[in-house]
C-alpha atoms as a PDB file:
ATOM      1  CA  MET A   1      63.524  46.449  72.680  1.00  0.00           C
ATOM      2  CA  ASP A   2      63.620  45.822  76.446  1.00  0.00           C
ATOM      3  CA  LYS A   3      65.472  42.595  77.175  1.00  0.00           C
ATOM      4  CA  ALA A   4      63.047  41.465  79.901  1.00  0.00           C
ATOM      5  CA  PHE A   5      60.120  41.989  77.428  1.00  0.00           C
ATOM      6  CA  ALA A   6      61.933  40.009  74.781  1.00  0.00           C
ATOM      7  CA  GLU A   7      62.404  37.118  77.213  1.00  0.00           C
ATOM      8  CA  GLU A   8      58.750  37.154  78.052  1.00  0.00           C
ATOM      9  CA  ILE A   9      57.446  36.538  74.506  1.00  0.00           C
ATOM     10  CA  ASN A  10      58.006  33.204  72.702  1.00  0.00           C
ATOM     11  CA  PRO A  11      60.869  32.862  70.180  1.00  0.00           C
ATOM     12  CA  GLU A  12      58.616  32.524  67.174  1.00  0.00           C
ATOM     13  CA  LYS A  13      56.761  35.712  67.905  1.00  0.00           C
ATOM     14  CA  PHE A  14      60.042  37.417  68.653  1.00  0.00           C
ATOM     15  CA  MET A  15      61.429  36.513  65.298  1.00  0.00           C
ATOM     16  CA  GLU A  16      58.200  37.687  63.581  1.00  0.00           C
ATOM     17  CA  THR A  17      58.478  41.029  65.441  1.00  0.00           C
ATOM     18  CA  ALA A  18      62.150  41.349  64.605  1.00  0.00           C
ATOM     19  CA  ARG A  19      61.343  40.718  60.905  1.00  0.00           C
ATOM     20  CA  LEU A  20      58.628  43.355  60.896  1.00  0.00           C
ATOM     21  CA  ILE A  21      60.913  45.904  62.583  1.00  0.00           C
ATOM     22  CA  ARG A  22      63.645  45.124  59.996  1.00  0.00           C
ATOM     23  CA  THR A  23      61.090  45.636  57.283  1.00  0.00           C
ATOM     24  CA  GLU A  24      60.149  49.037  58.623  1.00  0.00           C
ATOM     25  CA  LEU A  25      63.846  50.090  59.025  1.00  0.00           C
ATOM     26  CA  TYR A  26      65.139  48.843  55.689  1.00  0.00           C
ATOM     27  CA  GLY A  27      62.107  48.291  53.490  1.00  0.00           C
ATOM     28  CA  GLU A  28      61.003  45.112  51.778  1.00  0.00           C
ATOM     29  CA  GLY A  29      63.713  42.739  50.824  1.00  0.00           C
END
């Protein structure tokens, strides 16, 4: 993810996005 883009969004949304990406990469759990 682009660093500037990451800084634009709020931390809560960033964490949600990171969780979703992690789910796509590694699967549930």
